[in-house]
Amino acid sequence: MRNSLDTHMGSISIDNTVIAQYAGNVANECYGIVGMASVNVKEGLVRILKKESVEHGIQVRSNAGKLTIDFHIIIAYGVSIRAVTENLVETVKYKVEAFSGLEVEKVNVFVEGVRVID
């Protein structure tokens, strides 16, 4: 799906994959997040994704020019889930809106696992 912005010079089209990649990079910079998770519903397996495939743990949907972003994350052991997720939501909303010019209506966070960091 593509989102478009109309300007006085023409139209700008942004693919949801681009927004997912950017949002994933922003999320990986947030304290307490180990990485994105890929969920295999059929087998009930969760695996951590490599940095280059971060957008697979993120789903971006748009409705009337407003974005909804779903994150499937793995957090570090010993951190406050609430603090990490609130920071993620606020940071992603601010940075994606500044990056794309589109409004982020909702950011949903699904904590899929906890991992001890060495």
N, C-alpha and C. Protein backbone atom coordinates (compact mmCIF):
# COMPACT_ATOMS: atom_id res chain seq x y z
N MET A 1 0.85 -1.18 0.00
CA MET A 1 0.00 0.00 0.00
C MET A 1 0.89 1.24 0.00
N ARG A 2 0.46 2.23 -0.69
CA ARG A 2 1.20 3.48 -0.77
C ARG A 2 0.37 4.60 -0.15
N ASN A 3 1.08 5.50 0.48
CA ASN A 3 0.48 6.71 1.05
C ASN A 3 0.94 7.87 0.20
N SER A 4 0.06 8.82 -0.06
CA SER A 4 0.49 9.96 -0.87
C SER A 4 0.21 11.28 -0.17
N LEU A 5 1.13 12.19 -0.46
CA LEU A 5 1.03 13.56 0.00
C LEU A 5 0.99 14.46 -1.22
N ASP A 6 0.07 15.38 -1.23
CA ASP A 6 0.00 16.33 -2.34
C ASP A 6 0.66 17.64 -1.91
N THR A 7 1.56 18.12 -2.75
CA THR A 7 2.23 19.39 -2.50
C THR A 7 1.96 20.32 -3.67
N HIS A 8 2.41 21.55 -3.56
CA HIS A 8 2.21 22.51 -4.65
C HIS A 8 3.04 22.14 -5.89
N MET A 9 4.05 21.28 -5.71
CA MET A 9 4.91 20.89 -6.83
C MET A 9 4.52 19.54 -7.43
N GLY A 10 3.63 18.82 -6.77
CA GLY A 10 3.24 17.50 -7.26
C GLY A 10 2.86 16.58 -6.12
N SER A 11 2.90 15.29 -6.41
CA SER A 11 2.48 14.28 -5.45
C SER A 11 3.68 13.45 -4.99
N ILE A 12 3.67 13.08 -3.72
CA ILE A 12 4.71 12.23 -3.15
C ILE A 12 4.05 10.93 -2.71
N SER A 13 4.61 9.80 -3.11
CA SER A 13 4.07 8.50 -2.77
C SER A 13 5.08 7.74 -1.92
N ILE A 14 4.63 7.25 -0.75
CA ILE A 14 5.51 6.53 0.18
C ILE A 14 4.92 5.14 0.41
N ASP A 15 5.71 4.11 0.14
CA ASP A 15 5.28 2.73 0.35
C ASP A 15 5.32 2.39 1.84
N ASN A 16 4.40 1.55 2.29
CA ASN A 16 4.36 1.15 3.69
C ASN A 16 5.63 0.43 4.13
N THR A 17 6.31 -0.25 3.20
CA THR A 17 7.56 -0.93 3.53
C THR A 17 8.63 0.06 3.94
N VAL A 18 8.66 1.21 3.30
CA VAL A 18 9.63 2.26 3.65
C VAL A 18 9.37 2.75 5.07
N ILE A 19 8.11 2.96 5.39
CA ILE A 19 7.76 3.41 6.74
C ILE A 19 8.10 2.33 7.77
N ALA A 20 7.85 1.07 7.43
CA ALA A 20 8.18 -0.04 8.34
C ALA A 20 9.68 -0.13 8.58
N GLN A 21 10.48 0.04 7.53
CA GLN A 21 11.94 -0.01 7.69
C GLN A 21 12.42 1.13 8.59
N TYR A 22 11.91 2.31 8.36
CA TYR A 22 12.30 3.46 9.17
C TYR A 22 11.86 3.27 10.63
N ALA A 23 10.62 2.85 10.83
CA ALA A 23 10.11 2.62 12.18
C ALA A 23 10.92 1.54 12.90
N GLY A 24 11.34 0.51 12.17
CA GLY A 24 12.16 -0.54 12.76
C GLY A 24 13.52 -0.05 13.20
N ASN A 25 14.12 0.81 12.41
CA ASN A 25 15.41 1.39 12.79
C ASN A 25 15.26 2.30 14.01
N VAL A 26 14.18 3.05 14.06
CA VAL A 26 13.92 3.90 15.22
C VAL A 26 13.74 3.02 16.46
N ALA A 27 12.99 1.93 16.34
CA ALA A 27 12.74 1.04 17.47
C ALA A 27 14.02 0.40 17.98
N ASN A 28 14.91 0.03 17.08
CA ASN A 28 16.16 -0.61 17.49
C ASN A 28 17.07 0.35 18.27
N GLU A 29 16.84 1.64 18.14
CA GLU A 29 17.61 2.63 18.89
C GLU A 29 17.05 2.86 20.29
N CYS A 30 15.83 2.38 20.54
CA CYS A 30 15.19 2.59 21.84
C CYS A 30 15.78 1.66 22.90
N TYR A 31 16.00 2.19 24.08
CA TYR A 31 16.56 1.42 25.19
C TYR A 31 15.62 0.28 25.56
N GLY A 32 16.21 -0.89 25.78
CA GLY A 32 15.45 -2.04 26.27
C GLY A 32 14.91 -2.95 25.20
N ILE A 33 15.00 -2.54 23.94
CA ILE A 33 14.51 -3.38 22.86
C ILE A 33 15.68 -4.15 22.26
N VAL A 34 15.57 -5.47 22.31
CA VAL A 34 16.62 -6.33 21.78
C VAL A 34 16.49 -6.46 20.27
N GLY A 35 15.25 -6.51 19.78
CA GLY A 35 15.03 -6.62 18.34
C GLY A 35 13.57 -6.86 18.02
N MET A 36 13.29 -7.02 16.74
CA MET A 36 11.95 -7.31 16.26
C MET A 36 11.76 -8.82 16.25
N ALA A 37 10.52 -9.25 16.35
CA ALA A 37 10.22 -10.67 16.38
C ALA A 37 9.40 -11.06 15.17
N SER A 38 9.68 -12.23 14.65
CA SER A 38 8.88 -12.81 13.60
C SER A 38 8.04 -13.90 14.25
N VAL A 39 6.74 -13.83 14.08
CA VAL A 39 5.86 -14.78 14.74
C VAL A 39 5.31 -15.76 13.70
N ASN A 40 5.53 -17.05 13.93
CA ASN A 40 4.96 -18.09 13.08
C ASN A 40 3.73 -18.61 13.81
N VAL A 41 2.57 -18.13 13.40
CA VAL A 41 1.33 -18.46 14.08
C VAL A 41 1.04 -19.96 14.00
N LYS A 42 1.32 -20.55 12.86
CA LYS A 42 1.02 -21.96 12.65
C LYS A 42 1.76 -22.84 13.66
N GLU A 43 3.02 -22.56 13.90
CA GLU A 43 3.82 -23.38 14.80
C GLU A 43 3.97 -22.76 16.19
N GLY A 44 3.50 -21.54 16.36
CA GLY A 44 3.61 -20.87 17.65
C GLY A 44 5.04 -20.48 18.01
N LEU A 45 5.88 -20.29 17.02
CA LEU A 45 7.29 -19.97 17.25
C LEU A 45 7.53 -18.47 17.11
N VAL A 46 8.43 -17.97 17.93
CA VAL A 46 8.86 -16.59 17.85
C VAL A 46 10.37 -16.61 17.67
N ARG A 47 10.86 -15.85 16.67
CA ARG A 47 12.31 -15.77 16.49
C ARG A 47 12.71 -14.31 16.31
N ILE A 48 13.90 -14.01 16.75
CA ILE A 48 14.41 -12.64 16.64
C ILE A 48 14.92 -12.44 15.21
N LEU A 49 14.63 -11.27 14.67
CA LEU A 49 15.03 -10.95 13.30
C LEU A 49 16.37 -10.24 13.28
N LYS A 50 17.10 -10.44 12.21
CA LYS A 50 18.36 -9.71 12.01
C LYS A 50 18.06 -8.27 11.68
N LYS A 51 19.02 -7.40 11.90
CA LYS A 51 18.83 -5.96 11.68
C LYS A 51 18.39 -5.63 10.26
N GLU A 52 18.88 -6.39 9.27
CA GLU A 52 18.54 -6.06 7.88
C GLU A 52 17.12 -6.48 7.48
N SER A 53 16.45 -7.31 8.28
CA SER A 53 15.08 -7.72 7.96
C SER A 53 14.10 -7.25 9.03
N VAL A 54 14.40 -6.12 9.62
CA VAL A 54 13.63 -5.60 10.74
C VAL A 54 12.18 -5.31 10.38
N GLU A 55 11.89 -4.97 9.15
CA GLU A 55 10.53 -4.59 8.78
C GLU A 55 9.55 -5.77 8.82
N HIS A 56 10.05 -7.01 8.88
CA HIS A 56 9.16 -8.17 8.95
C HIS A 56 8.45 -8.29 10.29
N GLY A 57 8.97 -7.65 11.32
CA GLY A 57 8.32 -7.65 12.63
C GLY A 57 7.39 -6.47 12.82
N ILE A 58 7.16 -5.72 11.75
CA ILE A 58 6.35 -4.51 11.82
C ILE A 58 5.31 -4.53 10.71
N GLN A 59 4.10 -4.16 11.06
CA GLN A 59 3.04 -4.05 10.05
C GLN A 59 2.54 -2.61 10.05
N VAL A 60 2.47 -2.02 8.86
CA VAL A 60 1.98 -0.65 8.71
C VAL A 60 0.70 -0.69 7.89
N ARG A 61 -0.34 -0.07 8.43
CA ARG A 61 -1.61 0.05 7.71
C ARG A 61 -1.98 1.53 7.64
N SER A 62 -2.65 1.90 6.57
CA SER A 62 -3.10 3.29 6.48
C SER A 62 -4.59 3.34 6.21
N ASN A 63 -5.23 4.34 6.82
CA ASN A 63 -6.65 4.53 6.64
C ASN A 63 -6.89 6.03 6.57
N ALA A 64 -7.29 6.50 5.42
CA ALA A 64 -7.58 7.92 5.21
C ALA A 64 -6.38 8.79 5.55
N GLY A 65 -5.17 8.34 5.18
CA GLY A 65 -3.96 9.13 5.40
C GLY A 65 -3.39 9.05 6.80
N LYS A 66 -3.99 8.23 7.67
CA LYS A 66 -3.50 8.05 9.03
C LYS A 66 -2.91 6.65 9.16
N LEU A 67 -1.76 6.56 9.82
CA LEU A 67 -1.05 5.29 9.93
C LEU A 67 -1.33 4.58 11.25
N THR A 68 -1.39 3.26 11.16
CA THR A 68 -1.39 2.39 12.33
C THR A 68 -0.19 1.48 12.18
N ILE A 69 0.67 1.44 13.20
CA ILE A 69 1.89 0.64 13.13
C ILE A 69 1.86 -0.39 14.25
N ASP A 70 2.02 -1.67 13.88
CA ASP A 70 2.09 -2.77 14.84
C ASP A 70 3.52 -3.26 14.94
N PHE A 71 4.03 -3.34 16.18
CA PHE A 71 5.37 -3.83 16.44
C PHE A 71 5.29 -5.16 17.18
N HIS A 72 6.09 -6.12 16.77
CA HIS A 72 6.29 -7.37 17.50
C HIS A 72 7.73 -7.33 17.97
N ILE A 73 7.93 -7.15 19.29
CA ILE A 73 9.28 -6.90 19.79
C ILE A 73 9.72 -7.94 20.82
N ILE A 74 11.03 -7.99 20.99
CA ILE A 74 11.65 -8.76 22.06
C ILE A 74 12.40 -7.74 22.92
N ILE A 75 12.14 -7.79 24.22
CA ILE A 75 12.77 -6.81 25.10
C ILE A 75 13.85 -7.47 25.96
N ALA A 76 14.67 -6.63 26.53
CA ALA A 76 15.76 -7.09 27.40
C ALA A 76 15.20 -7.50 28.75
N TYR A 77 15.78 -8.54 29.32
CA TYR A 77 15.40 -9.01 30.64
C TYR A 77 15.77 -7.95 31.69
N GLY A 78 14.85 -7.71 32.63
CA GLY A 78 15.13 -6.82 33.74
C GLY A 78 14.71 -5.38 33.54
N VAL A 79 14.17 -5.05 32.38
CA VAL A 79 13.71 -3.67 32.16
C VAL A 79 12.20 -3.60 32.36
N SER A 80 11.70 -2.43 32.59
CA SER A 80 10.26 -2.22 32.76
C SER A 80 9.58 -2.28 31.39
N ILE A 81 8.70 -3.23 31.23
CA ILE A 81 7.98 -3.37 29.96
C ILE A 81 7.19 -2.10 29.67
N ARG A 82 6.54 -1.58 30.67
CA ARG A 82 5.73 -0.37 30.48
C ARG A 82 6.59 0.82 30.04
N ALA A 83 7.73 1.03 30.69
CA ALA A 83 8.60 2.14 30.34
C ALA A 83 9.16 1.99 28.93
N VAL A 84 9.57 0.79 28.58
CA VAL A 84 10.13 0.55 27.24
C VAL A 84 9.08 0.76 26.17
N THR A 85 7.88 0.22 26.37
CA THR A 85 6.84 0.36 25.34
C THR A 85 6.32 1.79 25.22
N GLU A 86 6.20 2.50 26.34
CA GLU A 86 5.78 3.90 26.26
C GLU A 86 6.81 4.74 25.52
N ASN A 87 8.08 4.49 25.79
CA ASN A 87 9.15 5.19 25.08
C ASN A 87 9.11 4.86 23.58
N LEU A 88 8.90 3.60 23.25
CA LEU A 88 8.81 3.18 21.85
C LEU A 88 7.67 3.89 21.13
N VAL A 89 6.50 3.90 21.74
CA VAL A 89 5.33 4.52 21.12
C VAL A 89 5.56 6.01 20.87
N GLU A 90 6.05 6.73 21.88
CA GLU A 90 6.27 8.17 21.74
C GLU A 90 7.35 8.49 20.71
N THR A 91 8.45 7.75 20.77
CA THR A 91 9.57 8.00 19.85
C THR A 91 9.19 7.70 18.41
N VAL A 92 8.56 6.56 18.19
CA VAL A 92 8.16 6.18 16.83
C VAL A 92 7.14 7.16 16.27
N LYS A 93 6.14 7.51 17.07
CA LYS A 93 5.11 8.44 16.60
C LYS A 93 5.76 9.76 16.16
N TYR A 94 6.61 10.31 17.00
CA TYR A 94 7.25 11.59 16.69
C TYR A 94 8.13 11.49 15.44
N LYS A 95 9.01 10.50 15.41
CA LYS A 95 9.99 10.41 14.32
C LYS A 95 9.36 10.01 12.99
N VAL A 96 8.38 9.11 12.99
CA VAL A 96 7.72 8.72 11.74
C VAL A 96 6.92 9.88 11.18
N GLU A 97 6.25 10.63 12.03
CA GLU A 97 5.50 11.79 11.55
C GLU A 97 6.44 12.83 10.96
N ALA A 98 7.58 13.07 11.61
CA ALA A 98 8.55 14.03 11.10
C ALA A 98 9.17 13.54 9.79
N PHE A 99 9.43 12.25 9.69
CA PHE A 99 10.05 11.64 8.51
C PHE A 99 9.12 11.63 7.31
N SER A 100 7.87 11.23 7.53
CA SER A 100 6.97 10.99 6.40
C SER A 100 5.99 12.13 6.12
N GLY A 101 5.71 12.94 7.13
CA GLY A 101 4.69 13.97 6.96
C GLY A 101 3.28 13.42 7.11
N LEU A 102 3.16 12.14 7.46
CA LEU A 102 1.86 11.51 7.66
C LEU A 102 1.56 11.41 9.15
N GLU A 103 0.28 11.41 9.50
CA GLU A 103 -0.11 11.31 10.90
C GLU A 103 -0.11 9.85 11.34
N VAL A 104 0.49 9.58 12.50
CA VAL A 104 0.45 8.25 13.10
C VAL A 104 -0.69 8.25 14.10
N GLU A 105 -1.73 7.51 13.77
CA GLU A 105 -2.91 7.47 14.62
C GLU A 105 -2.72 6.53 15.81
N LYS A 106 -2.08 5.36 15.55
CA LYS A 106 -1.92 4.35 16.59
C LYS A 106 -0.61 3.61 16.44
N VAL A 107 -0.02 3.26 17.57
CA VAL A 107 1.15 2.38 17.59
C VAL A 107 0.81 1.25 18.57
N ASN A 108 0.68 0.04 18.04
CA ASN A 108 0.38 -1.13 18.87
C ASN A 108 1.66 -1.91 19.08
N VAL A 109 1.91 -2.33 20.33
CA VAL A 109 3.14 -3.05 20.65
C VAL A 109 2.77 -4.42 21.22
N PHE A 110 3.34 -5.46 20.63
CA PHE A 110 3.15 -6.83 21.09
C PHE A 110 4.50 -7.33 21.56
N VAL A 111 4.64 -7.57 22.86
CA VAL A 111 5.89 -8.08 23.41
C VAL A 111 5.85 -9.60 23.23
N GLU A 112 6.73 -10.10 22.36
CA GLU A 112 6.73 -11.53 22.00
C GLU A 112 7.75 -12.34 22.79
N GLY A 113 8.65 -11.66 23.50
CA GLY A 113 9.64 -12.40 24.25
C GLY A 113 10.55 -11.51 25.06
N VAL A 114 11.31 -12.16 25.92
CA VAL A 114 12.29 -11.49 26.77
C VAL A 114 13.62 -12.21 26.56
N ARG A 115 14.68 -11.45 26.48
CA ARG A 115 15.99 -12.05 26.24
C ARG A 115 17.04 -11.43 27.16
N VAL A 116 17.87 -12.29 27.71
CA VAL A 116 18.97 -11.84 28.55
C VAL A 116 20.08 -11.34 27.64
N ILE A 117 20.56 -10.12 27.90
CA ILE A 117 21.63 -9.56 27.09
C ILE A 117 22.96 -9.86 27.78
N ASP A 118 23.90 -10.36 27.00
CA ASP A 118 25.23 -10.68 27.54
C ASP A 118 26.08 -9.46 27.71
